[in-house]
Amino acid sequence: MDVKMEQKVTQTSQTQSLTMVQAVNDALKTMLEEDERTILLGEDIGKNGGVFRATEGLQEKFGEDRVVDTPLSESGIVGTSVGLAVNGFKPVAEMQFMGFIYPAYDQIMTHVSRIRMKTMGHFSVPMVIRAPYGAGIRAPEVHSDSVEALFTHMPGVKVVCPATPYDAKGLLISAIEDPDPVIFMEPMRSYRAHREDVPEGKYTVEIGKGEKLQEGDDITIIAWGAMVPVAKQAAKQAEQQGITCEVLDLKTLYPLDRDVIAESVQKTGRCVIVHEAHSTGGLGNDIVSVINDTSFLYMRAPIERVTGFDVPVPFFALEDHYMPTPKRVLQSIEKAVQF
């Protein structure tokens, strides 16, 4: 266990080695045990434990009234969750895949995000929408979309995206306790990619705060979710060329942690932003705006973006060509440093 992880797990003397999907399950179990207002809703989340087994064993333990198998209706799942939330419950709605969220978009835009505003603060919507997202697992059609920008452009909704099992559990508990709605993005490619020591019991990771994962002097790499390991691999390759990279994990995509971004790019003067969503309209554009607003005069090179392409996520044979890779990130690092 590294020093950073030792510092994290000091909140409890007991830890367990978990994958990300196990950490999600543990967070849900923790909150179901602690707060009887917590209710899970989703397709096949009960007896089957969900497509990825994120809710495995929870219906057996807490019953069908707390872990509810719903009809195949994303709009109905979210609409029901809104009604529960404004009446004192804390629903956690699961979308089987983020690409299935579109039928619920109207509910999220017109109700979930606006009730606090429309009622002048008399009602809030303390609900979470869990959404497995991203390419890399050889899923068909709309299963692999990464459309976080649809929701980061929707004031009233927070958007969270963990990259590690530790953060997945802590951020999900924070999201369930938050008085306002949270879109909780879960990178499918990271579900079982690695394990780490995660504290038993309840702990939280603050929403709205990014984290500096690695110190560096020459360039900043900004990523989130499944792109964090890609960024770290590229940074390691750059180090072999004598280029030291500062790596940031944003964790929360809305609201952005402007301070951690500005502090880092003002130090390095260069930046590469990595995300697997499409380039046009992607969150990377908003991060560029943050850097322009806070740190333009510190920049020594144009900001580079390494993203997915402006096409639907392709089928299996071309999926790897669509995804940002350490090689593509390294090329952008070299371009910025050599500018």
C-alpha atoms as a PDB file:
ATOM      1  CA  MET A   1       0.000   0.000   0.000  1.00  0.00           C
ATOM      2  CA  ASP A   2       1.431   3.406  -0.958  1.00  0.00           C
ATOM      3  CA  VAL A   3       1.694   6.361   1.422  1.00  0.00           C
ATOM      4  CA  LYS A   4      -1.274   8.150  -0.121  1.00  0.00           C
ATOM      5  CA  MET A   5      -3.542   5.163   0.349  1.00  0.00           C
ATOM      6  CA  GLU A   6      -2.294   4.665   3.903  1.00  0.00           C
ATOM      7  CA  GLN A   7      -3.365   8.234   4.663  1.00  0.00           C
ATOM      8  CA  LYS A   8      -6.792   7.611   3.156  1.00  0.00           C
ATOM      9  CA  VAL A   9      -7.569   4.442   5.063  1.00  0.00           C
ATOM     10  CA  THR A  10      -6.618   5.800   8.473  1.00  0.00           C
ATOM     11  CA  GLN A  11     -10.311   6.656   8.950  1.00  0.00           C
ATOM     12  CA  THR A  12     -10.827   3.013   9.914  1.00  0.00           C
ATOM     13  CA  SER A  13      -8.564   0.200  11.007  1.00  0.00           C
ATOM     14  CA  GLN A  14     -10.307  -2.276   8.725  1.00  0.00           C
ATOM     15  CA  THR A  15     -10.000  -2.356   4.949  1.00  0.00           C
ATOM     16  CA  GLN A  16     -10.942  -4.767   2.199  1.00  0.00           C
ATOM     17  CA  SER A  17      -9.502  -5.241  -1.272  1.00  0.00           C
ATOM     18  CA  LEU A  18     -12.260  -4.318  -3.729  1.00  0.00           C
ATOM     19  CA  THR A  19     -12.775  -3.760  -7.414  1.00  0.00           C
ATOM     20  CA  MET A  20     -14.722  -0.654  -8.417  1.00  0.00           C
ATOM     21  CA  VAL A  21     -17.990  -2.532  -8.948  1.00  0.00           C
ATOM     22  CA  GLN A  22     -17.596  -4.153  -5.532  1.00  0.00           C
ATOM     23  CA  ALA A  23     -16.958  -0.717  -4.024  1.00  0.00           C
ATOM     24  CA  VAL A  24     -20.177   0.558  -5.606  1.00  0.00           C
ATOM     25  CA  ASN A  25     -22.049  -2.403  -4.122  1.00  0.00           C
ATOM     26  CA  ASP A  26     -20.487  -1.735  -0.716  1.00  0.00           C
ATOM     27  CA  ALA A  27     -21.496   1.930  -0.836  1.00  0.00           C
ATOM     28  CA  LEU A  28     -25.093   1.015  -1.649  1.00  0.00           C
ATOM     29  CA  LYS A  29     -25.167  -1.588   1.127  1.00  0.00           C
ATOM     30  CA  THR A  30     -23.726   0.924   3.589  1.00  0.00           C
ATOM     31  CA  MET A  31     -26.411   3.505   2.849  1.00  0.00           C
ATOM     32  CA  LEU A  32     -29.257   0.983   2.741  1.00  0.00           C
ATOM     33  CA  GLU A  33     -28.208  -0.125   6.225  1.00  0.00           C
ATOM     34  CA  GLU A  34     -27.806   3.385   7.594  1.00  0.00           C
ATOM     35  CA  ASP A  35     -30.806   5.199   6.164  1.00  0.00           C
ATOM     36  CA  GLU A  36     -34.163   3.519   5.606  1.00  0.00           C
ATOM     37  CA  ARG A  37     -35.079   6.313   3.193  1.00  0.00           C
ATOM     38  CA  THR A  38     -32.542   4.968   0.683  1.00  0.00           C
ATOM     39  CA  ILE A  39     -34.262   3.027  -2.104  1.00  0.00           C
ATOM     40  CA  LEU A  40     -32.712   1.479  -5.221  1.00  0.00           C
ATOM     41  CA  LEU A  41     -34.616   1.355  -8.513  1.00  0.00           C
ATOM     42  CA  GLY A  42     -33.602  -0.144 -11.838  1.00  0.00           C
ATOM     43  CA  GLU A  43     -33.952  -2.835 -14.453  1.00  0.00           C
ATOM     44  CA  ASP A  44     -32.824  -6.296 -13.275  1.00  0.00           C
ATOM     45  CA  ILE A  45     -31.132  -4.865 -10.160  1.00  0.00           C
ATOM     46  CA  GLY A  46     -32.920  -7.212  -7.776  1.00  0.00           C
ATOM     47  CA  LYS A  47     -32.757 -10.947  -8.285  1.00  0.00           C
ATOM     48  CA  ASN A  48     -30.143 -10.653 -11.038  1.00  0.00           C
ATOM     49  CA  GLY A  49     -28.040  -8.065  -9.213  1.00  0.00           C
ATOM     50  CA  GLY A  50     -27.796  -5.836 -12.269  1.00  0.00           C
ATOM     51  CA  VAL A  51     -25.999  -6.332 -15.580  1.00  0.00           C
ATOM     52  CA  PHE A  52     -22.610  -5.795 -13.903  1.00  0.00           C
ATOM     53  CA  ARG A  53     -23.655  -7.277 -10.524  1.00  0.00           C
ATOM     54  CA  ALA A  54     -23.326  -3.879  -8.865  1.00  0.00           C
ATOM     55  CA  THR A  55     -26.428  -4.599  -6.749  1.00  0.00           C
ATOM     56  CA  GLU A  56     -25.798  -8.306  -6.230  1.00  0.00           C
ATOM     57  CA  GLY A  57     -27.242  -9.629  -2.968  1.00  0.00           C
ATOM     58  CA  LEU A  58     -28.893  -6.354  -1.972  1.00  0.00           C
ATOM     59  CA  GLN A  59     -32.513  -7.319  -2.681  1.00  0.00           C
ATOM     60  CA  GLU A  60     -32.069 -10.560  -0.771  1.00  0.00           C
ATOM     61  CA  LYS A  61     -30.707  -8.615   2.201  1.00  0.00           C
ATOM     62  CA  PHE A  62     -33.013  -5.568   2.182  1.00  0.00           C
ATOM     63  CA  GLY A  63     -36.153  -6.798   0.447  1.00  0.00           C
ATOM     64  CA  GLU A  64     -38.131  -5.941  -2.660  1.00  0.00           C
ATOM     65  CA  ASP A  65     -39.455  -2.684  -1.199  1.00  0.00           C
ATOM     66  CA  ARG A  66     -35.927  -1.273  -0.869  1.00  0.00           C
ATOM     67  CA  VAL A  67     -34.324  -2.748  -4.001  1.00  0.00           C
ATOM     68  CA  VAL A  68     -36.960  -2.476  -6.688  1.00  0.00           C
ATOM     69  CA  ASP A  69     -36.928  -4.266 -10.036  1.00  0.00           C
ATOM     70  CA  THR A  70     -38.610  -1.853 -12.450  1.00  0.00           C
ATOM     71  CA  PRO A  71     -40.147  -2.174 -15.902  1.00  0.00           C
ATOM     72  CA  LEU A  72     -37.918  -1.357 -18.887  1.00  0.00           C
ATOM     73  CA  SER A  73     -38.682   2.358 -18.776  1.00  0.00           C
ATOM     74  CA  GLU A  74     -35.885   4.808 -18.044  1.00  0.00           C
ATOM     75  CA  SER A  75     -38.323   7.709 -18.057  1.00  0.00           C
ATOM     76  CA  GLY A  76     -40.496   5.853 -15.573  1.00  0.00           C
ATOM     77  CA  ILE A  77     -37.541   5.008 -13.326  1.00  0.00           C
ATOM     78  CA  VAL A  78     -36.386   8.623 -13.147  1.00  0.00           C
ATOM     79  CA  GLY A  79     -39.918  10.043 -12.888  1.00  0.00           C
ATOM     80  CA  THR A  80     -40.737   7.701 -10.018  1.00  0.00           C
ATOM     81  CA  SER A  81     -37.468   8.669  -8.334  1.00  0.00           C
ATOM     82  CA  VAL A  82     -38.402  12.345  -8.539  1.00  0.00           C
ATOM     83  CA  GLY A  83     -41.686  11.651  -6.769  1.00  0.00           C
ATOM     84  CA  LEU A  84     -39.906   9.655  -4.087  1.00  0.00           C
ATOM     85  CA  ALA A  85     -37.227  12.333  -3.618  1.00  0.00           C
ATOM     86  CA  VAL A  86     -39.594  15.241  -3.106  1.00  0.00           C
ATOM     87  CA  ASN A  87     -41.502  13.135  -0.575  1.00  0.00           C
ATOM     88  CA  GLY A  88     -38.566  12.456   1.698  1.00  0.00           C
ATOM     89  CA  PHE A  89     -36.883   9.392   0.214  1.00  0.00           C
ATOM     90  CA  LYS A  90     -33.362   9.093  -1.216  1.00  0.00           C
ATOM     91  CA  PRO A  91     -33.765   7.100  -4.414  1.00  0.00           C
ATOM     92  CA  VAL A  92     -30.797   5.719  -6.324  1.00  0.00           C
ATOM     93  CA  ALA A  93     -31.872   5.035  -9.900  1.00  0.00           C
ATOM     94  CA  GLU A  94     -29.763   2.805 -12.117  1.00  0.00           C
ATOM     95  CA  MET A  95     -29.522   3.185 -15.870  1.00  0.00           C
ATOM     96  CA  GLN A  96     -28.223  -0.121 -17.222  1.00  0.00           C
ATOM     97  CA  PHE A  97     -25.962   1.860 -19.566  1.00  0.00           C
ATOM     98  CA  MET A  98     -25.500   5.593 -19.972  1.00  0.00           C
ATOM     99  CA  GLY A  99     -26.580   5.214 -23.583  1.00  0.00           C
ATOM    100  CA  PHE A 100     -30.016   4.154 -22.313  1.00  0.00           C
ATOM    101  CA  ILE A 101     -30.533   7.426 -20.450  1.00  0.00           C
ATOM    102  CA  TYR A 102     -31.982   9.342 -23.405  1.00  0.00           C
ATOM    103  CA  PRO A 103     -35.657   8.443 -22.808  1.00  0.00           C
ATOM    104  CA  ALA A 104     -35.219   9.925 -19.309  1.00  0.00           C
ATOM    105  CA  TYR A 105     -33.566  13.112 -20.564  1.00  0.00           C
ATOM    106  CA  ASP A 106     -36.821  15.058 -20.525  1.00  0.00           C
ATOM    107  CA  GLN A 107     -37.474  14.083 -16.897  1.00  0.00           C
ATOM    108  CA  ILE A 108     -33.932  15.078 -15.889  1.00  0.00           C
ATOM    109  CA  MET A 109     -33.964  18.387 -17.753  1.00  0.00           C
ATOM    110  CA  THR A 110     -37.471  19.558 -16.898  1.00  0.00           C
ATOM    111  CA  HIS A 111     -37.958  18.135 -13.399  1.00  0.00           C
ATOM    112  CA  VAL A 112     -34.844  16.724 -11.724  1.00  0.00           C
ATOM    113  CA  SER A 113     -32.679  19.770 -12.381  1.00  0.00           C
ATOM    114  CA  ARG A 114     -35.347  22.462 -11.806  1.00  0.00           C
ATOM    115  CA  ILE A 115     -37.509  21.574  -8.816  1.00  0.00           C
ATOM    116  CA  ARG A 116     -35.373  23.440  -6.298  1.00  0.00           C
ATOM    117  CA  MET A 117     -35.533  26.531  -8.524  1.00  0.00           C
ATOM    118  CA  LYS A 118     -39.210  26.185  -9.437  1.00  0.00           C
ATOM    119  CA  THR A 119     -40.248  25.823  -5.796  1.00  0.00           C
ATOM    120  CA  MET A 120     -37.911  28.619  -4.638  1.00  0.00           C
ATOM    121  CA  GLY A 121     -36.044  26.180  -2.419  1.00  0.00           C
ATOM    122  CA  HIS A 122     -39.078  24.643  -0.725  1.00  0.00           C
ATOM    123  CA  PHE A 123     -38.319  21.255  -2.319  1.00  0.00           C
ATOM    124  CA  SER A 124     -35.062  19.596  -3.293  1.00  0.00           C
ATOM    125  CA  VAL A 125     -34.423  16.377  -5.188  1.00  0.00           C
ATOM    126  CA  PRO A 126     -31.976  14.231  -3.202  1.00  0.00           C
ATOM    127  CA  MET A 127     -31.599  11.489  -5.779  1.00  0.00           C
ATOM    128  CA  VAL A 128     -28.753   9.756  -7.600  1.00  0.00           C
ATOM    129  CA  ILE A 129     -28.794   8.443 -11.147  1.00  0.00           C
ATOM    130  CA  ARG A 130     -26.110   5.768 -11.579  1.00  0.00           C
ATOM    131  CA  ALA A 131     -24.964   5.364 -15.178  1.00  0.00           C
ATOM    132  CA  PRO A 132     -22.292   2.895 -16.335  1.00  0.00           C
ATOM    133  CA  TYR A 133     -20.580   4.577 -19.280  1.00  0.00           C
ATOM    134  CA  GLY A 134     -17.821   4.369 -21.843  1.00  0.00           C
ATOM    135  CA  ALA A 135     -16.238   2.118 -24.422  1.00  0.00           C
ATOM    136  CA  GLY A 136     -13.683  -0.636 -24.038  1.00  0.00           C
ATOM    137  CA  ILE A 137     -15.836  -3.629 -23.042  1.00  0.00           C
ATOM    138  CA  ARG A 138     -16.986  -4.635 -26.550  1.00  0.00           C
ATOM    139  CA  ALA A 139     -20.621  -3.680 -25.996  1.00  0.00           C
ATOM    140  CA  PRO A 140     -22.922  -3.087 -28.989  1.00  0.00           C
ATOM    141  CA  GLU A 141     -24.786  -0.043 -30.300  1.00  0.00           C
ATOM    142  CA  VAL A 142     -25.581   2.679 -27.728  1.00  0.00           C
ATOM    143  CA  HIS A 143     -24.086   0.799 -24.762  1.00  0.00           C
ATOM    144  CA  SER A 144     -20.731   2.608 -24.934  1.00  0.00           C
ATOM    145  CA  ASP A 145     -21.681   6.295 -25.033  1.00  0.00           C
ATOM    146  CA  SER A 146     -19.883   8.900 -22.940  1.00  0.00           C
ATOM    147  CA  VAL A 147     -22.238  11.862 -22.877  1.00  0.00           C
ATOM    148  CA  GLU A 148     -21.348  13.641 -19.642  1.00  0.00           C
ATOM    149  CA  ALA A 149     -21.493  17.007 -21.433  1.00  0.00           C
ATOM    150  CA  LEU A 150     -25.267  16.656 -21.834  1.00  0.00           C
ATOM    151  CA  PHE A 151     -25.530  16.937 -18.060  1.00  0.00           C
ATOM    152  CA  THR A 152     -22.643  19.267 -17.223  1.00  0.00           C
ATOM    153  CA  HIS A 153     -24.550  21.803 -19.343  1.00  0.00           C
ATOM    154  CA  MET A 154     -27.651  21.350 -17.167  1.00  0.00           C
ATOM    155  CA  PRO A 155     -27.537  23.649 -14.099  1.00  0.00           C
ATOM    156  CA  GLY A 156     -29.120  22.039 -11.066  1.00  0.00           C
ATOM    157  CA  VAL A 157     -27.527  18.633 -11.524  1.00  0.00           C
ATOM    158  CA  LYS A 158     -24.110  17.593 -10.218  1.00  0.00           C
ATOM    159  CA  VAL A 159     -22.025  15.171 -12.282  1.00  0.00           C
ATOM    160  CA  VAL A 160     -19.526  12.843 -10.608  1.00  0.00           C
ATOM    161  CA  CYS A 161     -17.128  10.311 -12.140  1.00  0.00           C
ATOM    162  CA  PRO A 162     -14.757   8.195  -9.998  1.00  0.00           C
ATOM    163  CA  ALA A 163     -11.609   6.559 -11.326  1.00  0.00           C
ATOM    164  CA  THR A 164     -10.775   4.207  -8.439  1.00  0.00           C
ATOM    165  CA  PRO A 165     -12.597   1.830  -6.083  1.00  0.00           C
ATOM    166  CA  TYR A 166     -11.827   4.076  -3.092  1.00  0.00           C
ATOM    167  CA  ASP A 167     -13.323   7.134  -4.771  1.00  0.00           C
ATOM    168  CA  ALA A 168     -16.267   5.147  -6.158  1.00  0.00           C
ATOM    169  CA  LYS A 169     -17.441   4.201  -2.678  1.00  0.00           C
ATOM    170  CA  GLY A 170     -16.721   7.557  -1.032  1.00  0.00           C
ATOM    171  CA  LEU A 171     -18.213   9.646  -3.812  1.00  0.00           C
ATOM    172  CA  LEU A 172     -21.328   7.479  -4.112  1.00  0.00           C
ATOM    173  CA  ILE A 173     -22.018   7.819  -0.385  1.00  0.00           C
ATOM    174  CA  SER A 174     -21.545  11.594  -0.720  1.00  0.00           C
ATOM    175  CA  ALA A 175     -23.900  11.629  -3.708  1.00  0.00           C
ATOM    176  CA  ILE A 176     -26.629   9.753  -1.835  1.00  0.00           C
ATOM    177  CA  GLU A 177     -26.323  12.173   1.088  1.00  0.00           C
ATOM    178  CA  ASP A 178     -26.320  15.249  -1.157  1.00  0.00           C
ATOM    179  CA  PRO A 179     -29.544  17.302  -0.971  1.00  0.00           C
ATOM    180  CA  ASP A 180     -29.508  17.807  -4.735  1.00  0.00           C
ATOM    181  CA  PRO A 181     -29.526  15.420  -7.709  1.00  0.00           C
ATOM    182  CA  VAL A 182     -26.310  13.752  -8.824  1.00  0.00           C
ATOM    183  CA  ILE A 183     -25.508  11.949 -12.073  1.00  0.00           C
ATOM    184  CA  PHE A 184     -23.032   9.278 -10.979  1.00  0.00           C
ATOM    185  CA  MET A 185     -20.988   8.023 -13.932  1.00  0.00           C
ATOM    186  CA  GLU A 186     -19.289   4.652 -13.536  1.00  0.00           C
ATOM    187  CA  PRO A 187     -16.565   3.743 -16.066  1.00  0.00           C
ATOM    188  CA  MET A 188     -17.399   0.203 -17.147  1.00  0.00           C
ATOM    189  CA  ARG A 189     -13.863  -0.461 -18.326  1.00  0.00           C
ATOM    190  CA  SER A 190     -12.664   0.191 -14.764  1.00  0.00           C
ATOM    191  CA  TYR A 191     -15.257  -1.968 -12.994  1.00  0.00           C
ATOM    192  CA  ARG A 192     -12.901  -4.928 -12.596  1.00  0.00           C
ATOM    193  CA  ALA A 193      -9.649  -3.464 -13.894  1.00  0.00           C
ATOM    194  CA  HIS A 194      -7.875  -3.412 -10.536  1.00  0.00           C
ATOM    195  CA  ARG A 195      -8.329  -3.677  -6.797  1.00  0.00           C
ATOM    196  CA  GLU A 196      -7.323  -1.408  -3.963  1.00  0.00           C
ATOM    197  CA  ASP A 197      -7.758  -1.242  -0.207  1.00  0.00           C
ATOM    198  CA  VAL A 198     -11.102   0.355   0.630  1.00  0.00           C
ATOM    199  CA  PRO A 199     -12.188   1.154   4.202  1.00  0.00           C
ATOM    200  CA  GLU A 200     -15.035  -0.850   5.620  1.00  0.00           C
ATOM    201  CA  GLY A 201     -18.070   1.076   6.771  1.00  0.00           C
ATOM    202  CA  LYS A 202     -18.963   4.631   5.934  1.00  0.00           C
ATOM    203  CA  TYR A 203     -16.636   7.340   4.647  1.00  0.00           C
ATOM    204  CA  THR A 204     -17.064  10.131   2.114  1.00  0.00           C
ATOM    205  CA  VAL A 205     -15.086  11.805  -0.671  1.00  0.00           C
ATOM    206  CA  GLU A 206     -16.005  15.439  -1.214  1.00  0.00           C
ATOM    207  CA  ILE A 207     -17.985  16.276  -4.340  1.00  0.00           C
ATOM    208  CA  GLY A 208     -16.590  19.250  -6.251  1.00  0.00           C
ATOM    209  CA  LYS A 209     -12.932  18.563  -5.484  1.00  0.00           C
ATOM    210  CA  GLY A 210     -10.355  17.222  -7.924  1.00  0.00           C
ATOM    211  CA  GLU A 211      -7.099  15.577  -6.929  1.00  0.00           C
ATOM    212  CA  LYS A 212      -3.493  15.922  -8.013  1.00  0.00           C
ATOM    213  CA  LEU A 213      -2.328  12.349  -8.498  1.00  0.00           C
ATOM    214  CA  GLN A 214       1.221  13.099  -9.557  1.00  0.00           C
ATOM    215  CA  GLU A 215       3.548  16.075  -9.278  1.00  0.00           C
ATOM    216  CA  GLY A 216       5.273  17.434 -12.373  1.00  0.00           C
ATOM    217  CA  ASP A 217       6.848  20.588 -13.742  1.00  0.00           C
ATOM    218  CA  ASP A 218       6.561  20.432 -17.535  1.00  0.00           C
ATOM    219  CA  ILE A 219       2.907  19.809 -18.370  1.00  0.00           C
ATOM    220  CA  THR A 220      -0.482  19.111 -16.783  1.00  0.00           C
ATOM    221  CA  ILE A 221      -2.626  16.159 -17.888  1.00  0.00           C
ATOM    222  CA  ILE A 222      -6.314  16.402 -16.930  1.00  0.00           C
ATOM    223  CA  ALA A 223      -8.529  13.316 -17.042  1.00  0.00           C
ATOM    224  CA  TRP A 224     -11.374  11.510 -15.273  1.00  0.00           C
ATOM    225  CA  GLY A 225     -12.895   8.056 -15.092  1.00  0.00           C
ATOM    226  CA  ALA A 226     -11.385   5.430 -17.361  1.00  0.00           C
ATOM    227  CA  MET A 227      -9.007   7.975 -18.873  1.00  0.00           C
ATOM    228  CA  VAL A 228      -7.066   8.446 -15.626  1.00  0.00           C
ATOM    229  CA  PRO A 229      -5.038   5.235 -16.095  1.00  0.00           C
ATOM    230  CA  VAL A 230      -4.411   6.259 -19.715  1.00  0.00           C
ATOM    231  CA  ALA A 231      -3.108   9.638 -18.540  1.00  0.00           C
ATOM    232  CA  LYS A 232      -0.873   8.017 -15.936  1.00  0.00           C
ATOM    233  CA  GLN A 233       0.580   5.592 -18.489  1.00  0.00           C
ATOM    234  CA  ALA A 234       1.332   8.457 -20.874  1.00  0.00           C
ATOM    235  CA  ALA A 235       2.973  10.405 -18.044  1.00  0.00           C
ATOM    236  CA  LYS A 236       5.181   7.416 -17.271  1.00  0.00           C
ATOM    237  CA  GLN A 237       6.242   7.165 -20.915  1.00  0.00           C
ATOM    238  CA  ALA A 238       6.929  10.904 -21.064  1.00  0.00           C
ATOM    239  CA  GLU A 239       9.141  10.621 -17.994  1.00  0.00           C
ATOM    240  CA  GLN A 240      11.459   8.359 -19.988  1.00  0.00           C
ATOM    241  CA  GLN A 241      12.051  11.382 -22.245  1.00  0.00           C
ATOM    242  CA  GLY A 242      12.782  13.649 -19.309  1.00  0.00           C
ATOM    243  CA  ILE A 243       9.306  15.249 -19.329  1.00  0.00           C
ATOM    244  CA  THR A 244       7.636  15.422 -15.910  1.00  0.00           C
ATOM    245  CA  CYS A 245       3.837  15.485 -15.984  1.00  0.00           C
ATOM    246  CA  GLU A 246       1.379  16.657 -13.355  1.00  0.00           C
ATOM    247  CA  VAL A 247      -1.701  14.401 -13.496  1.00  0.00           C
ATOM    248  CA  LEU A 248      -5.107  15.618 -12.295  1.00  0.00           C
ATOM    249  CA  ASP A 249      -8.201  13.483 -11.685  1.00  0.00           C
ATOM    250  CA  LEU A 250     -11.194  15.837 -11.727  1.00  0.00           C
ATOM    251  CA  LYS A 251     -13.587  13.351 -10.038  1.00  0.00           C
ATOM    252  CA  THR A 252     -16.442  15.900 -10.227  1.00  0.00           C
ATOM    253  CA  LEU A 253     -17.299  17.153 -13.715  1.00  0.00           C
ATOM    254  CA  TYR A 254     -19.904  19.668 -12.580  1.00  0.00           C
ATOM    255  CA  PRO A 255     -19.159  21.801 -10.724  1.00  0.00           C
ATOM    256  CA  LEU A 256     -15.546  21.764 -11.899  1.00  0.00           C
ATOM    257  CA  ASP A 257     -12.752  22.284  -9.394  1.00  0.00           C
ATOM    258  CA  ARG A 258     -11.418  25.439 -11.023  1.00  0.00           C
ATOM    259  CA  ASP A 259      -8.809  25.923  -8.298  1.00  0.00           C
ATOM    260  CA  VAL A 260      -6.991  22.630  -8.809  1.00  0.00           C
ATOM    261  CA  ILE A 261      -6.964  23.205 -12.572  1.00  0.00           C
ATOM    262  CA  ALA A 262      -5.664  26.767 -12.326  1.00  0.00           C
ATOM    263  CA  GLU A 263      -3.026  25.947  -9.722  1.00  0.00           C
ATOM    264  CA  SER A 264      -1.573  23.164 -11.844  1.00  0.00           C
ATOM    265  CA  VAL A 265      -1.535  24.842 -15.257  1.00  0.00           C
ATOM    266  CA  GLN A 266      -0.131  28.047 -13.793  1.00  0.00           C
ATOM    267  CA  LYS A 267       2.723  25.931 -12.481  1.00  0.00           C
ATOM    268  CA  THR A 268       3.436  23.954 -15.666  1.00  0.00           C
ATOM    269  CA  GLY A 269       2.326  26.377 -18.403  1.00  0.00           C
ATOM    270  CA  ARG A 270       1.124  23.518 -20.602  1.00  0.00           C
ATOM    271  CA  CYS A 271      -1.909  21.233 -20.598  1.00  0.00           C
ATOM    272  CA  VAL A 272      -3.334  18.109 -22.237  1.00  0.00           C
ATOM    273  CA  ILE A 273      -7.001  17.251 -21.600  1.00  0.00           C
ATOM    274  CA  VAL A 274      -8.046  13.627 -22.109  1.00  0.00           C
ATOM    275  CA  HIS A 275     -11.605  12.340 -22.460  1.00  0.00           C
ATOM    276  CA  GLU A 276     -13.266   9.622 -24.488  1.00  0.00           C
ATOM    277  CA  ALA A 277     -16.384  11.623 -25.329  1.00  0.00           C
ATOM    278  CA  HIS A 278     -16.668  13.322 -28.697  1.00  0.00           C
ATOM    279  CA  SER A 279     -14.427  16.309 -29.341  1.00  0.00           C
ATOM    280  CA  THR A 280     -17.125  18.754 -30.435  1.00  0.00           C
ATOM    281  CA  GLY A 281     -19.149  19.916 -27.445  1.00  0.00           C
ATOM    282  CA  GLY A 282     -17.089  17.813 -25.047  1.00  0.00           C
ATOM    283  CA  LEU A 283     -16.286  18.806 -21.490  1.00  0.00           C
ATOM    284  CA  GLY A 284     -12.708  19.461 -22.558  1.00  0.00           C
ATOM    285  CA  ASN A 285     -13.924  22.655 -24.203  1.00  0.00           C
ATOM    286  CA  ASP A 286     -15.235  23.946 -20.872  1.00  0.00           C
ATOM    287  CA  ILE A 287     -11.927  23.108 -19.207  1.00  0.00           C
ATOM    288  CA  VAL A 288     -10.147  25.118 -21.899  1.00  0.00           C
ATOM    289  CA  SER A 289     -12.435  28.027 -20.997  1.00  0.00           C
ATOM    290  CA  VAL A 290     -11.555  27.667 -17.308  1.00  0.00           C
ATOM    291  CA  ILE A 291      -7.861  27.781 -18.177  1.00  0.00           C
ATOM    292  CA  ASN A 292      -8.401  30.781 -20.455  1.00  0.00           C
ATOM    293  CA  ASP A 293     -10.298  32.613 -17.696  1.00  0.00           C
ATOM    294  CA  THR A 294      -7.855  31.856 -14.891  1.00  0.00           C
ATOM    295  CA  SER A 295      -4.461  31.160 -16.395  1.00  0.00           C
ATOM    296  CA  PHE A 296      -4.114  32.439 -19.968  1.00  0.00           C
ATOM    297  CA  LEU A 297      -1.029  34.558 -19.313  1.00  0.00           C
ATOM    298  CA  TYR A 298       0.756  31.604 -17.716  1.00  0.00           C
ATOM    299  CA  MET A 299       0.471  29.363 -20.781  1.00  0.00           C
ATOM    300  CA  ARG A 300       3.601  28.515 -22.772  1.00  0.00           C
ATOM    301  CA  ALA A 301       1.838  26.452 -25.454  1.00  0.00           C
ATOM    302  CA  PRO A 302      -1.666  25.942 -26.856  1.00  0.00           C
ATOM    303  CA  ILE A 303      -3.832  23.528 -24.875  1.00  0.00           C
ATOM    304  CA  GLU A 304      -4.021  20.052 -26.397  1.00  0.00           C
ATOM    305  CA  ARG A 305      -7.079  17.772 -26.313  1.00  0.00           C
ATOM    306  CA  VAL A 306      -7.058  14.008 -26.823  1.00  0.00           C
ATOM    307  CA  THR A 307     -10.626  12.778 -27.230  1.00  0.00           C
ATOM    308  CA  GLY A 308     -12.936  10.391 -28.958  1.00  0.00           C
ATOM    309  CA  PHE A 309     -13.880  11.291 -32.511  1.00  0.00           C
ATOM    310  CA  ASP A 310     -17.028  13.001 -33.759  1.00  0.00           C
ATOM    311  CA  VAL A 311     -18.701   9.744 -34.739  1.00  0.00           C
ATOM    312  CA  PRO A 312     -20.889   7.274 -32.842  1.00  0.00           C
ATOM    313  CA  VAL A 313     -18.815   4.837 -30.805  1.00  0.00           C
ATOM    314  CA  PRO A 314     -17.970   2.150 -33.393  1.00  0.00           C
ATOM    315  CA  PHE A 315     -18.476  -1.590 -33.231  1.00  0.00           C
ATOM    316  CA  PHE A 316     -15.943  -4.070 -31.850  1.00  0.00           C
ATOM    317  CA  ALA A 317     -13.373  -4.085 -34.655  1.00  0.00           C
ATOM    318  CA  LEU A 318     -12.832  -0.316 -34.547  1.00  0.00           C
ATOM    319  CA  GLU A 319     -13.467   0.395 -30.873  1.00  0.00           C
ATOM    320  CA  ASP A 320      -9.778   0.504 -29.956  1.00  0.00           C
ATOM    321  CA  HIS A 321      -9.145   3.058 -32.712  1.00  0.00           C
ATOM    322  CA  TYR A 322     -11.806   5.328 -31.247  1.00  0.00           C
ATOM    323  CA  MET A 323     -10.483   5.379 -27.694  1.00  0.00           C
ATOM    324  CA  PRO A 324      -7.731   7.749 -26.545  1.00  0.00           C
ATOM    325  CA  THR A 325      -4.551   5.773 -25.909  1.00  0.00           C
ATOM    326  CA  PRO A 326      -1.319   6.501 -24.029  1.00  0.00           C
ATOM    327  CA  LYS A 327       0.381   6.828 -27.420  1.00  0.00           C
ATOM    328  CA  ARG A 328      -2.002   9.573 -28.570  1.00  0.00           C
ATOM    329  CA  VAL A 329      -1.665  11.367 -25.243  1.00  0.00           C
ATOM    330  CA  LEU A 330       2.143  11.142 -25.422  1.00  0.00           C
ATOM    331  CA  GLN A 331       2.097  12.663 -28.903  1.00  0.00           C
ATOM    332  CA  SER A 332       0.124  15.631 -27.583  1.00  0.00           C
ATOM    333  CA  ILE A 333       2.509  15.972 -24.635  1.00  0.00           C
ATOM    334  CA  GLU A 334       5.466  16.095 -27.019  1.00  0.00           C
ATOM    335  CA  LYS A 335       3.690  18.611 -29.253  1.00  0.00           C
ATOM    336  CA  ALA A 336       3.013  20.958 -26.343  1.00  0.00           C
ATOM    337  CA  VAL A 337       6.488  20.669 -24.846  1.00  0.00           C
ATOM    338  CA  GLN A 338       8.159  21.242 -28.229  1.00  0.00           C
ATOM    339  CA  PHE A 339       5.982  24.237 -29.136  1.00  0.00           C
END
